[in-house]
N, C-alpha and C. Protein backbone atom coordinates (compact mmCIF):
# COMPACT_ATOMS: atom_id res chain seq x y z
N MET A 1 1.75 2.95 -9.42
CA MET A 1 1.23 3.84 -8.49
C MET A 1 2.44 4.51 -8.15
N ASN A 2 2.62 5.57 -8.74
CA ASN A 2 4.06 6.45 -8.96
C ASN A 2 4.12 7.81 -8.36
N GLY A 3 4.74 7.53 -7.18
CA GLY A 3 4.12 8.17 -5.88
C GLY A 3 3.38 7.46 -4.81
N PHE A 4 2.99 8.69 -4.10
CA PHE A 4 1.95 8.19 -2.93
C PHE A 4 0.88 9.37 -3.01
N PRO A 5 -0.19 8.84 -2.79
CA PRO A 5 -1.64 9.45 -2.82
C PRO A 5 -1.58 10.65 -1.36
N GLU A 6 -1.72 11.95 -1.65
CA GLU A 6 -1.42 12.98 -0.90
C GLU A 6 -2.71 12.89 0.14
N VAL A 7 -2.46 13.83 1.47
CA VAL A 7 -3.51 13.70 2.46
C VAL A 7 -4.10 14.41 1.99
N GLY A 8 -5.39 13.27 2.44
CA GLY A 8 -6.90 14.00 1.95
C GLY A 8 -7.68 13.94 0.69
N THR A 9 -6.45 12.94 0.06
CA THR A 9 -7.32 12.19 -1.08
C THR A 9 -8.32 10.71 -0.83
N ASN A 10 -9.51 10.96 -1.64
CA ASN A 10 -9.98 9.45 -1.12
C ASN A 10 -9.09 8.40 -0.85
N GLU A 11 -8.41 8.10 -1.90
CA GLU A 11 -7.03 7.04 -2.21
C GLU A 11 -6.75 6.99 -0.78
N ARG A 12 -5.71 8.42 -0.69
CA ARG A 12 -4.62 8.04 0.85
C ARG A 12 -5.88 7.85 2.45
N ASN A 13 -7.29 7.92 2.17
CA ASN A 13 -8.24 7.62 3.12
C ASN A 13 -8.44 6.44 3.37
N VAL A 14 -8.62 6.23 2.07
CA VAL A 14 -8.80 4.42 2.02
C VAL A 14 -7.33 3.75 2.24
N LEU A 15 -6.74 4.38 2.35
CA LEU A 15 -5.20 3.58 2.99
C LEU A 15 -4.99 3.84 4.49
N ASP A 16 -5.31 4.93 4.77
CA ASP A 16 -5.68 5.09 6.35
C ASP A 16 -6.55 4.74 7.12
N SER A 17 -7.66 4.02 6.70
CA SER A 17 -8.62 3.47 7.66
C SER A 17 -8.11 2.23 7.66
N ILE A 18 -7.78 1.67 6.19
CA ILE A 18 -7.46 0.57 6.46
C ILE A 18 -6.14 0.07 7.46
N GLY A 19 -5.23 1.00 6.87
CA GLY A 19 -3.92 0.79 8.30
C GLY A 19 -4.50 1.10 9.33
N ALA A 20 -5.57 1.73 9.83
CA ALA A 20 -5.96 1.82 11.25
C ALA A 20 -6.50 0.66 11.83
N LYS A 21 -6.90 0.25 11.08
CA LYS A 21 -7.56 -1.05 11.22
C LYS A 21 -6.24 -2.22 11.88
N TYR A 22 -5.70 -2.57 11.22
CA TYR A 22 -4.38 -2.78 11.42
C TYR A 22 -3.17 -2.61 12.09
N GLY A 23 -3.26 -1.68 12.49
CA GLY A 23 -2.39 -0.72 13.63
C GLY A 23 -0.65 -0.41 12.77
N LYS A 24 -1.14 -0.28 11.50
CA LYS A 24 -0.36 -0.21 9.77
C LYS A 24 -0.63 1.10 9.75
N THR A 25 0.88 1.85 8.76
CA THR A 25 0.27 3.03 8.60
C THR A 25 -0.17 2.76 6.85
N ALA A 26 -0.68 4.14 6.41
CA ALA A 26 -0.81 4.16 5.01
C ALA A 26 0.11 3.23 3.86
N TYR A 27 1.23 3.93 4.47
CA TYR A 27 2.55 3.26 3.39
C TYR A 27 2.61 2.01 3.26
N GLN A 28 2.43 1.08 4.58
CA GLN A 28 2.97 0.10 4.86
C GLN A 28 1.53 -0.94 4.39
N VAL A 29 0.51 -0.44 4.29
CA VAL A 29 -0.80 -1.25 3.34
C VAL A 29 -0.53 -0.97 2.51
N ALA A 30 -0.29 0.24 1.27
CA ALA A 30 0.02 -0.08 0.24
C ALA A 30 0.92 -0.96 -0.45
N LEU A 31 2.11 -0.93 0.70
CA LEU A 31 3.46 -1.61 0.09
C LEU A 31 2.75 -3.18 0.58
N ASN A 32 2.13 -3.79 1.53
CA ASN A 32 1.90 -4.90 1.52
C ASN A 32 0.59 -5.57 0.55
N TRP A 33 0.02 -4.75 -0.12
CA TRP A 33 -0.53 -4.64 -0.90
C TRP A 33 -0.07 -4.61 -2.64
N LEU A 34 0.62 -3.53 -2.50
CA LEU A 34 1.97 -3.97 -4.03
C LEU A 34 2.66 -5.36 -4.07
N LEU A 35 3.00 -5.59 -3.24
CA LEU A 35 3.85 -6.50 -2.54
C LEU A 35 2.92 -8.11 -3.46
N ARG A 36 1.71 -8.02 -3.40
CA ARG A 36 1.23 -9.23 -3.85
C ARG A 36 0.65 -8.99 -4.99
N GLN A 37 0.85 -7.86 -6.10
CA GLN A 37 0.23 -8.04 -7.43
C GLN A 37 1.65 -8.94 -8.26
N GLU A 38 1.27 -9.33 -9.29
CA GLU A 38 1.56 -10.15 -10.03
C GLU A 38 2.02 -8.78 -10.91
N GLY A 39 3.09 -9.01 -11.40
CA GLY A 39 3.54 -8.55 -12.79
C GLY A 39 3.94 -6.60 -12.26
N ILE A 40 4.10 -6.63 -10.96
CA ILE A 40 4.45 -5.10 -10.75
C ILE A 40 5.74 -5.08 -10.18
N VAL A 41 6.50 -4.34 -10.09
CA VAL A 41 7.92 -3.92 -9.59
C VAL A 41 7.63 -2.88 -8.48
N THR A 42 7.76 -3.62 -6.77
CA THR A 42 7.83 -2.74 -5.92
C THR A 42 9.46 -2.12 -5.25
N ILE A 43 9.72 -0.98 -5.95
CA ILE A 43 10.94 -0.67 -4.80
C ILE A 43 10.43 0.58 -4.09
N PRO A 44 10.10 0.20 -2.49
CA PRO A 44 10.39 1.35 -1.80
C PRO A 44 11.41 1.93 -1.33
N LYS A 45 11.16 3.32 -0.99
CA LYS A 45 12.53 4.09 -0.72
C LYS A 45 12.56 3.58 0.83
N ALA A 46 13.97 3.64 0.99
CA ALA A 46 13.98 4.05 2.41
C ALA A 46 15.90 4.34 2.70
N VAL A 47 15.95 5.75 3.21
CA VAL A 47 17.02 6.37 3.53
C VAL A 47 17.42 6.12 4.83
N ASN A 48 16.94 5.67 5.46
CA ASN A 48 17.70 5.59 6.91
C ASN A 48 17.20 4.14 7.36
N LYS A 49 18.16 3.95 8.56
CA LYS A 49 17.01 2.68 9.58
C LYS A 49 15.72 2.49 9.65
N GLU A 50 15.06 4.03 10.23
CA GLU A 50 13.34 3.95 10.23
C GLU A 50 12.75 3.41 9.32
N HIS A 51 13.21 4.05 7.83
CA HIS A 51 12.68 4.24 6.58
C HIS A 51 12.67 2.56 5.96
N ILE A 52 13.71 1.69 6.74
CA ILE A 52 14.05 0.58 6.23
C ILE A 52 12.99 -0.37 7.39
N VAL A 53 13.04 -0.26 8.46
CA VAL A 53 12.22 -0.66 9.57
C VAL A 53 10.56 -0.40 9.31
N ASP A 54 10.18 0.35 8.64
CA ASP A 54 8.95 0.66 8.46
C ASP A 54 8.32 0.34 7.09
N ASN A 55 9.69 -0.28 6.32
CA ASN A 55 9.25 -1.04 4.91
C ASN A 55 8.98 -2.09 5.22
N LEU A 56 9.36 -2.97 6.48
CA LEU A 56 9.61 -4.38 6.81
C LEU A 56 8.76 -4.51 7.49
N ASN A 57 7.67 -3.64 7.96
CA ASN A 57 6.37 -4.29 8.98
C ASN A 57 5.31 -4.02 7.84
N ALA A 58 5.66 -3.97 6.87
CA ALA A 58 4.54 -3.79 5.90
C ALA A 58 4.78 -5.47 5.07
N LEU A 59 5.46 -6.27 6.03
CA LEU A 59 5.92 -7.76 5.73
C LEU A 59 5.04 -8.48 7.14
N GLY A 60 4.17 -9.61 6.61
CA GLY A 60 4.44 -10.93 8.00
C GLY A 60 3.09 -10.60 8.32
N TRP A 61 1.92 -10.26 7.58
CA TRP A 61 0.68 -10.14 7.90
C TRP A 61 -0.22 -9.92 6.48
N ASP A 62 -1.33 -9.99 6.83
CA ASP A 62 -2.27 -10.64 5.47
C ASP A 62 -3.55 -9.44 5.35
N LEU A 63 -3.62 -8.59 4.44
CA LEU A 63 -5.13 -7.98 4.45
C LEU A 63 -6.17 -8.74 4.11
N GLN A 64 -7.19 -8.31 4.85
CA GLN A 64 -8.58 -9.29 4.60
C GLN A 64 -9.02 -8.76 3.24
N GLN A 65 -9.90 -9.42 2.45
CA GLN A 65 -10.33 -9.73 1.47
C GLN A 65 -10.92 -8.57 1.09
N GLU A 66 -11.98 -8.40 2.11
CA GLU A 66 -12.71 -6.93 1.44
C GLU A 66 -12.00 -6.09 1.58
N ASP A 67 -10.76 -5.50 2.70
CA ASP A 67 -9.84 -4.48 2.30
C ASP A 67 -8.71 -4.53 1.24
N LEU A 68 -8.80 -5.92 0.43
CA LEU A 68 -8.07 -6.05 -0.82
C LEU A 68 -9.00 -5.69 -2.33
N ASP A 69 -10.48 -5.63 -1.80
CA ASP A 69 -10.72 -5.41 -2.49
C ASP A 69 -11.85 -3.80 -2.35
N LEU A 70 -11.67 -3.26 -1.46
CA LEU A 70 -11.45 -1.70 -1.47
C LEU A 70 -10.97 -1.23 -1.82
N ILE A 71 -8.82 -1.77 -1.46
CA ILE A 71 -7.93 -1.00 -2.42
C ILE A 71 -8.10 -1.45 -3.79
N GLU A 72 -8.57 -2.28 -4.71
CA GLU A 72 -8.62 -2.33 -5.97
C GLU A 72 -9.60 -1.43 -6.08
N SER A 73 -10.79 -1.20 -5.83
CA SER A 73 -11.38 -0.53 -6.53
C SER A 73 -11.26 0.79 -6.61
N ASN A 74 -10.03 1.34 -5.46
CA ASN A 74 -9.72 2.43 -5.64
C ASN A 74 -8.36 2.85 -6.44
N PHE A 75 -7.48 1.68 -6.53
CA PHE A 75 -6.56 1.51 -7.20
C PHE A 75 -6.38 1.09 -8.52
N ALA A 76 -6.75 2.08 -9.64
CA ALA A 76 -6.66 0.56 -11.00
C ALA A 76 -5.52 0.14 -11.73
N ILE A 77 -6.02 -1.25 -12.30
CA ILE A 77 -4.89 -1.82 -12.60
C ILE A 77 -4.64 -2.17 -13.87
N ASP A 78 -3.89 -1.62 -14.83
CA ASP A 78 -4.31 -1.91 -16.20
C ASP A 78 -3.01 -2.49 -16.89
N ASN A 79 -2.32 -2.93 -18.35
CA ASN A 79 -1.68 -3.73 -18.65
C ASN A 79 -0.15 -2.64 -18.68
N ASN A 80 -0.62 -1.73 -18.21
CA ASN A 80 1.02 -0.87 -18.03
C ASN A 80 1.10 -0.52 -16.85
N GLY A 81 0.31 -1.38 -15.90
CA GLY A 81 0.60 -1.38 -14.16
C GLY A 81 -0.67 -0.04 -13.51
N LEU A 82 -0.37 0.32 -12.52
CA LEU A 82 -1.25 1.29 -12.19
C LEU A 82 -1.31 2.63 -12.53
N ASN A 83 -2.88 2.79 -12.33
CA ASN A 83 -3.18 4.16 -13.08
C ASN A 83 -3.06 5.21 -12.02
């Protein structure tokens, strides 16, 4: 994932709806999912304490399989990483 899906796109709507289920932001859902992917290097941006805390809140909880499947069906992964 190079960048983040814009508001209103199908991909962003998927992340927003999953986030609402867990009380997390779309960014936290995406980061949680990305950190599970083998062979994907994830470097979250954090320019201030609030961003660091937000990134840390992507940890310590698990997405249910149905949510993982929904994300994976909307964000294709190939040998070069995310499309």
